[in-house]
Amino acid sequence: MMKEIPDHLQTGLSIVFIGFNPSLKSGEVGHHYANPRNNFWRILQRSGLTPRLYTAAEDHELLELGYGFTNIVARPTRAADEITREEYKQGRQILRDKLALYRPQVACFVGKGVYTEFSQRSKVDWGFQENPVIPDVREFVAPSSSGLVRMPMEEIVAIYRQLQKYIEC
C-alpha cells in the first residue's frame, strides 16, 4: 500500500486546498497535485494566486504564501471512484477536525464532488457557499484541476480568480 502524502497545514492560512485524495503519481513522489496532466499549479499561477508557476515538489513552499493542502481521503488511488463510503465517512470527520483546529480563512474544495462528500449537500454552485459546515471558515467550491475536466481553462481560471480577489481584500 502506498503511503499517505503529508498535509501542509498550520494556523493563520488564507486558503487550504482540499482534494478528493492523492493520485498514484502524488503517492509515488509524496507531493500534492503531482500528476503532469493535472492543471493545479498552472491554474494557481494564471489566476494570480501564486506569483510564478510552482511545481508539485515545491508544495510545502506555498505555506509561506498562506496556502495549505489536505484531502478528504488520504489514500492514493488511480481514480476517486475507488474510495469507499467508509473512507469518505471517516475522512469527512477528520477534515472537519482539521478545519476546526487550523481555521483557515477559506477552505477551497477542488471539485464539486469533494464538497458534496464533505458537506453532504446534493447541489452546489461554484464559488463561496452559504452556511459553512465549520463556523467562521469560508467554503469555496472550485472546479477540479484534473486534466480530465472538460471545462475550458479560462472558465476554471476565472473561478479561481474570485479566490485571489477575496484574499487580496
Protein backbone atom coordinates (compact mmCIF):
# COMPACT_ATOMS: atom_id res chain seq x y z
CA MET A 1 0.00 0.00 0.00
CA MET A 2 1.24 3.44 -0.96
CA LYS A 3 1.95 5.79 1.92
CA GLU A 4 -0.14 8.89 2.52
CA ILE A 5 1.08 12.31 1.42
CA PRO A 6 1.69 14.68 4.33
CA ASP A 7 -0.72 17.57 4.77
CA HIS A 8 0.72 21.06 4.65
CA LEU A 9 -1.30 22.79 7.37
CA GLN A 10 -0.73 25.43 10.01
CA THR A 11 -2.80 28.11 11.71
CA GLY A 12 -3.19 31.50 10.06
CA LEU A 13 -3.54 30.24 6.47
CA SER A 14 -5.51 32.23 3.89
CA ILE A 15 -6.58 29.14 1.93
CA VAL A 16 -6.48 25.39 2.44
CA PHE A 17 -6.93 23.50 -0.83
CA ILE A 18 -8.82 20.24 -0.36
CA GLY A 19 -8.84 17.45 -2.91
CA PHE A 20 -10.60 14.08 -3.06
CA ASN A 21 -7.41 12.11 -2.46
CA PRO A 22 -3.91 11.91 -3.92
CA SER A 23 -3.27 10.40 -7.34
CA LEU A 24 -0.97 7.40 -7.65
CA LYS A 25 1.72 9.75 -9.02
CA SER A 26 1.33 12.02 -5.98
CA GLY A 27 1.57 8.99 -3.70
CA GLU A 28 4.67 7.84 -5.52
CA VAL A 29 6.52 11.17 -5.23
CA GLY A 30 4.98 12.39 -1.94
CA HIS A 31 3.64 15.73 -3.23
CA HIS A 32 0.19 17.18 -3.88
CA TYR A 33 -1.11 17.52 -7.47
CA ALA A 34 1.93 15.75 -8.95
CA ASN A 35 0.28 14.14 -11.98
CA PRO A 36 1.70 16.02 -15.00
CA ARG A 37 -1.79 16.07 -16.57
CA ASN A 38 -3.19 17.89 -13.53
CA ASN A 39 -3.52 21.64 -14.14
CA PHE A 40 -3.50 22.72 -10.48
CA TRP A 41 -0.17 24.58 -10.48
CA ARG A 42 -0.94 26.31 -13.82
CA ILE A 43 -4.37 27.37 -12.53
CA LEU A 44 -2.86 28.93 -9.40
CA GLN A 45 -0.35 30.90 -11.42
CA ARG A 46 -2.80 32.01 -14.15
CA SER A 47 -5.41 33.10 -11.57
CA GLY A 48 -2.88 35.28 -9.74
CA LEU A 49 -2.90 33.15 -6.59
CA THR A 50 0.83 32.48 -6.99
CA PRO A 51 3.42 34.92 -8.35
CA ARG A 52 5.02 32.24 -10.52
CA LEU A 53 4.47 28.67 -11.68
CA TYR A 54 5.26 26.30 -8.82
CA THR A 55 5.81 22.56 -9.16
CA ALA A 56 4.37 19.75 -7.05
CA ALA A 57 7.82 19.27 -5.47
CA GLU A 58 7.50 22.81 -4.07
CA ASP A 59 4.06 22.25 -2.50
CA HIS A 60 5.36 22.85 1.04
CA GLU A 61 6.69 26.28 -0.01
CA LEU A 62 3.14 27.54 -0.51
CA LEU A 63 2.75 27.66 3.28
CA GLU A 64 4.83 30.86 3.04
CA LEU A 65 2.16 32.30 0.71
CA GLY A 66 -0.56 31.35 3.21
CA TYR A 67 -1.77 28.23 1.38
CA GLY A 68 -2.13 24.72 2.74
CA PHE A 69 -3.07 21.31 1.36
CA THR A 70 -5.07 18.33 2.51
CA ASN A 71 -7.56 15.79 1.13
CA ILE A 72 -10.87 14.35 2.26
CA VAL A 73 -9.28 10.87 1.95
CA ALA A 74 -5.55 10.34 2.42
CA ARG A 75 -5.14 7.06 0.49
CA PRO A 76 -3.77 7.47 -3.05
CA THR A 77 -5.86 5.83 -5.80
CA ARG A 78 -5.99 5.78 -9.59
CA ALA A 79 -9.48 7.36 -9.53
CA ALA A 80 -11.84 8.87 -6.95
CA ASP A 81 -14.41 6.12 -7.61
CA GLU A 82 -12.08 3.71 -5.79
CA ILE A 83 -12.74 5.50 -2.49
CA THR A 84 -15.14 3.58 -0.21
CA ARG A 85 -18.18 5.02 1.60
CA GLU A 86 -16.45 4.23 4.91
CA GLU A 87 -13.31 6.13 3.83
CA TYR A 88 -15.47 9.15 2.99
CA LYS A 89 -17.29 8.92 6.32
CA GLN A 90 -14.01 8.82 8.26
CA GLY A 91 -12.40 11.43 6.01
CA ARG A 92 -15.31 13.84 6.46
CA GLN A 93 -14.85 13.82 10.25
CA ILE A 94 -11.05 14.05 10.05
CA LEU A 95 -11.35 17.02 7.66
CA ARG A 96 -13.88 18.77 9.92
CA ASP A 97 -11.47 18.35 12.83
CA LYS A 98 -8.55 19.74 10.77
CA LEU A 99 -10.53 22.78 9.65
CA ALA A 100 -11.78 23.44 13.18
CA LEU A 101 -8.22 23.19 14.51
CA TYR A 102 -6.36 25.23 11.86
CA ARG A 103 -9.21 27.63 10.98
CA PRO A 104 -8.06 28.90 7.58
CA GLN A 105 -9.87 31.95 6.17
CA VAL A 106 -11.05 29.82 3.23
CA ALA A 107 -11.44 26.09 2.68
CA CYS A 108 -11.21 25.67 -1.11
CA PHE A 109 -12.69 22.39 -2.32
CA VAL A 110 -11.01 21.40 -5.59
CA GLY A 111 -14.05 19.90 -7.30
CA LYS A 112 -17.81 19.92 -6.62
CA GLY A 113 -17.68 16.24 -5.70
CA VAL A 114 -15.18 16.91 -2.92
CA TYR A 115 -17.51 19.49 -1.41
CA THR A 116 -20.66 17.38 -1.76
CA GLU A 117 -18.87 14.50 0.02
CA PHE A 118 -17.74 16.86 2.80
CA SER A 119 -20.94 18.86 3.25
CA GLN A 120 -23.36 16.06 2.31
CA ARG A 121 -25.29 18.64 0.27
CA SER A 122 -26.50 17.35 -3.06
CA LYS A 123 -26.39 20.54 -5.12
CA VAL A 124 -23.70 23.21 -5.01
CA ASP A 125 -22.59 26.03 -7.26
CA TRP A 126 -19.10 27.33 -7.95
CA GLY A 127 -17.70 29.91 -5.55
CA PHE A 128 -18.43 30.76 -1.94
CA GLN A 129 -21.06 28.66 -0.14
CA GLU A 130 -23.76 29.74 2.28
CA ASN A 131 -23.96 28.18 5.76
CA PRO A 132 -20.44 26.78 6.18
CA VAL A 133 -20.01 23.42 7.90
CA ILE A 134 -17.29 24.89 10.14
CA PRO A 135 -18.37 28.28 11.53
CA ASP A 136 -16.04 31.16 10.57
CA VAL A 137 -14.32 29.18 7.78
CA ARG A 138 -15.49 30.39 4.36
CA GLU A 139 -16.12 27.49 1.99
CA PHE A 140 -15.30 27.89 -1.70
CA VAL A 141 -16.02 25.34 -4.42
CA ALA A 142 -13.67 25.45 -7.40
CA PRO A 143 -13.50 23.20 -10.44
CA SER A 144 -11.32 20.13 -10.28
CA SER A 145 -7.86 20.70 -11.73
CA SER A 146 -7.77 17.22 -13.25
CA GLY A 147 -6.73 17.07 -16.88
CA LEU A 148 -9.95 15.07 -17.46
CA VAL A 149 -12.14 18.11 -16.76
CA ARG A 150 -13.80 19.35 -19.94
CA MET A 151 -14.45 22.94 -18.78
CA PRO A 152 -12.37 25.49 -20.72
CA MET A 153 -9.23 26.56 -18.84
CA GLU A 154 -10.22 30.25 -18.95
CA GLU A 155 -13.51 29.47 -17.15
CA ILE A 156 -11.65 27.48 -14.48
CA VAL A 157 -9.09 30.26 -14.01
CA ALA A 158 -11.88 32.87 -13.73
CA ILE A 159 -13.46 30.94 -10.84
CA TYR A 160 -10.12 30.65 -9.01
CA ARG A 161 -9.58 34.39 -9.62
CA GLN A 162 -12.56 35.03 -7.29
CA LEU A 163 -10.46 33.48 -4.51
CA GLN A 164 -7.49 35.63 -5.39
CA LYS A 165 -9.65 38.80 -5.24
CA TYR A 166 -11.13 37.72 -1.89
CA ILE A 167 -7.79 37.16 -0.16
CA GLU A 168 -6.38 40.37 -1.68
CA CYS A 169 -9.00 42.44 0.23
